[in-house]
Protein backbone atom coordinates (compact mmCIF):
# COMPACT_ATOMS: atom_id res chain seq x y z
CA MET A 1 97.54 214.77 196.14
CA SER A 2 96.50 218.11 198.59
CA HIS A 3 94.80 219.59 195.76
CA LEU A 4 93.10 216.89 194.69
CA ASP A 5 91.96 216.65 198.24
CA SER A 6 90.89 220.11 198.17
CA ILE A 7 89.12 219.85 195.44
CA LYS A 8 86.98 216.60 196.68
CA ALA A 9 86.39 218.80 199.77
CA LYS A 10 84.95 221.87 197.90
CA MET A 11 82.86 219.15 195.63
CA ASN A 12 81.52 217.40 198.87
CA ALA A 13 80.60 221.16 200.35
CA LEU A 14 79.01 221.86 197.05
CA ARG A 15 77.32 218.80 197.07
CA GLN A 16 75.67 219.22 200.37
CA GLU A 17 75.17 222.34 200.44
CA GLN A 18 73.07 221.73 196.91
CA GLU A 19 71.17 219.10 198.88
CA GLU A 20 70.03 221.23 202.28
CA SER A 21 68.92 224.23 198.75
CA GLN A 22 66.51 221.02 197.43
CA THR A 23 65.34 220.68 201.24
CA LYS A 24 64.69 223.92 201.84
CA ALA A 25 63.14 224.04 198.65
CA GLU A 26 60.81 220.78 198.53
CA GLU A 27 59.55 221.81 202.34
CA ALA A 28 58.99 225.81 201.29
CA SER A 29 56.88 224.15 198.08
CA ALA A 30 55.06 222.32 201.14
CA LYS A 31 54.49 225.21 203.15
CA VAL A 32 52.97 227.01 200.07
CA LYS A 33 51.30 224.02 199.29
CA THR A 34 49.04 224.11 203.16
CA LEU A 35 48.53 227.64 203.17
CA GLU A 36 47.44 227.57 199.84
CA GLN A 37 44.64 224.71 201.10
CA GLU A 38 44.33 227.18 204.10
CA ASN A 39 43.22 229.75 202.00
CA LEU A 40 41.00 227.55 200.25
CA ALA A 41 39.40 226.78 203.09
CA LYS A 42 39.29 230.29 204.10
CA GLU A 43 37.56 231.31 200.69
CA GLN A 44 35.22 228.04 201.21
CA GLU A 45 34.35 229.47 204.23
CA ILE A 46 34.09 232.92 203.36
CA THR A 47 31.46 231.90 200.50
CA SER A 48 29.51 229.93 203.27
CA LEU A 49 29.15 232.92 205.48
CA SER A 50 28.27 235.34 202.42
CA HIS A 51 25.57 232.87 201.75
CA ARG A 52 24.42 232.14 205.28
CA ASN A 53 24.49 236.36 205.53
CA GLN A 54 22.24 236.62 202.68
CA LEU A 55 19.74 234.03 204.05
CA LEU A 56 19.68 236.22 207.33
CA GLU A 57 18.88 239.39 205.63
CA ALA A 58 15.93 237.79 203.84
CA GLU A 59 14.67 236.13 207.05
CA VAL A 60 15.03 239.91 208.67
CA GLU A 61 13.25 241.39 206.00
CA LYS A 62 10.56 238.77 205.87
CA LEU A 63 10.40 239.13 209.81
CA GLU A 64 9.83 242.72 209.36
CA GLY A 65 7.13 242.64 207.39
CA HIS A 66 5.42 240.20 209.77
CA VAL A 67 6.11 242.77 212.14
CA LYS A 68 4.50 245.24 210.07
CA GLU A 69 1.71 243.06 209.48
CA HIS A 70 0.81 242.49 213.25
CA LYS A 71 1.13 246.32 213.74
CA HIS A 72 -1.05 246.73 211.55
CA ALA A 73 -3.31 244.41 212.82
CA ALA A 74 -3.00 245.08 216.16
CA ASP A 75 -3.74 248.72 215.33
CA GLU A 76 -7.28 247.52 213.42
CA SER A 77 -8.07 245.55 216.11
CA ALA A 78 -7.92 247.46 219.18
CA GLN A 79 -11.13 247.30 220.11
CA HIS A 80 -11.30 243.59 220.44
CA GLY A 81 -9.20 243.52 223.97
CA THR A 82 -8.45 239.74 224.14
CA GLN A 83 -7.28 239.69 220.41
CA ASN A 84 -5.69 242.51 220.91
CA GLU A 85 -3.34 241.45 223.88
CA THR A 86 -2.25 238.01 221.94
CA LEU A 87 -1.38 240.42 218.80
CA GLN A 88 0.66 242.20 221.11
CA ARG A 89 2.50 239.36 222.57
CA ARG A 90 2.65 237.74 218.97
CA LEU A 91 3.71 240.77 217.84
CA GLN A 92 6.35 241.27 220.99
CA LEU A 93 7.72 237.71 219.99
CA LEU A 94 8.40 238.65 216.29
CA GLU A 95 9.97 241.50 217.23
CA ASP A 96 12.62 239.42 219.55
CA GLU A 97 13.05 237.19 217.08
CA ALA A 98 14.26 239.80 214.34
CA GLU A 99 16.38 241.59 217.12
CA GLU A 100 17.72 238.06 217.33
CA SER A 101 18.11 237.80 213.42
CA ASP A 102 19.92 240.94 213.29
CA LYS A 103 22.02 240.38 216.23
CA ASN A 104 23.21 236.95 214.28
CA LEU A 105 23.55 239.01 210.88
CA ARG A 106 25.62 241.64 212.53
CA GLU A 107 28.44 238.80 214.15
CA THR A 108 27.92 236.55 210.62
CA ASN A 109 29.00 240.43 209.38
CA GLU A 110 31.81 240.32 212.12
CA LYS A 111 33.19 236.88 210.86
CA LEU A 112 32.75 237.46 207.47
CA ARG A 113 35.22 240.33 207.98
CA GLN A 114 37.54 238.87 210.16
CA THR A 115 37.80 235.67 207.54
CA ASP A 116 38.38 238.39 204.61
CA VAL A 117 41.29 239.83 206.88
CA LYS A 118 42.52 236.27 207.19
CA ALA A 119 42.45 235.16 203.98
CA GLY A 120 44.28 238.36 202.95
CA HIS A 121 46.86 237.18 206.01
CA TYR A 122 47.53 234.41 204.24
CA GLU A 123 47.42 235.59 200.60
CA ARG A 124 50.50 237.66 201.61
CA LYS A 125 52.09 234.88 203.42
CA VAL A 126 51.53 232.27 200.36
CA GLN A 127 52.98 235.65 198.34
CA ALA A 128 56.17 235.56 200.47
CA LEU A 129 56.59 231.89 200.78
CA GLU A 130 56.34 231.53 196.89
CA ALA A 131 59.26 234.49 196.59
CA ALA A 132 61.07 232.54 199.31
CA ARG A 133 61.19 229.26 197.30
CA ASP A 134 62.25 231.25 194.04
CA GLN A 135 64.84 232.35 196.06
CA TRP A 136 66.00 228.86 196.84
CA GLU A 137 65.24 227.46 193.22
CA THR A 138 67.86 230.19 191.85
CA LYS A 139 70.09 229.51 194.47
CA TYR A 140 69.86 225.80 193.72
CA GLU A 141 70.31 226.37 189.96
CA GLU A 142 73.29 228.50 190.69
CA MET A 143 74.90 225.57 193.15
CA SER A 144 74.22 223.25 190.21
CA LYS A 145 75.75 224.94 187.75
CA LYS A 146 79.13 225.80 190.45
CA TYR A 147 78.71 221.93 190.82
CA ALA A 148 78.92 221.04 186.97
CA GLU A 149 82.22 223.45 186.69
CA VAL A 150 83.79 221.85 189.72
CA GLN A 151 83.06 218.52 188.47
CA LYS A 152 84.67 219.63 184.89
CA GLU A 153 87.53 220.72 186.26
CA LEU A 154 88.19 217.87 188.46
CA ASP A 155 87.95 215.66 185.36
CA GLU A 156 90.58 218.24 183.63
CA PHE A 157 92.52 217.90 186.69
CA LYS A 158 92.37 214.20 186.35
CA LEU A 159 93.27 213.91 183.17
CA GLU A 160 96.25 215.94 183.58
CA ILE A 161 97.52 214.06 185.77
CA GLY A 162 96.82 210.60 184.22
CA ASN A 163 98.76 212.72 181.61
CA ILE A 164 101.44 212.90 183.65
């Protein structure tokens, strides 16, 4: 009977290890899914920031065009003191706006770069988790085979004992 108890203990240990492996594989799959969702959100943020970057670049070009136009107008109307002062103030405001837009553009580009770095990090994390999940699945399949073999041995052993 001790040989039968030993086989039962072995089967129970294998069954428990199989359940633990299955739990770990499910946890790894859930983590991969979460990271993939985070990665998708980061990609959407990159797209949004890229679009915002394009809009800001267009705005900077537009404002630079305005600055050039106003500088030209200011040069032509230099003989008109009051009008010239008004244009100079307006020009200064446009230059300030252009500088602010340029600052926003640099900040957006930096955020875009940081998001790109984070996206790369998350992609590497996802790959590592997928590899871990694959290892757990392989181990689960091996344990299932071992369990089936031990079950077969037990059935044969029971049959031999029954024939005795």
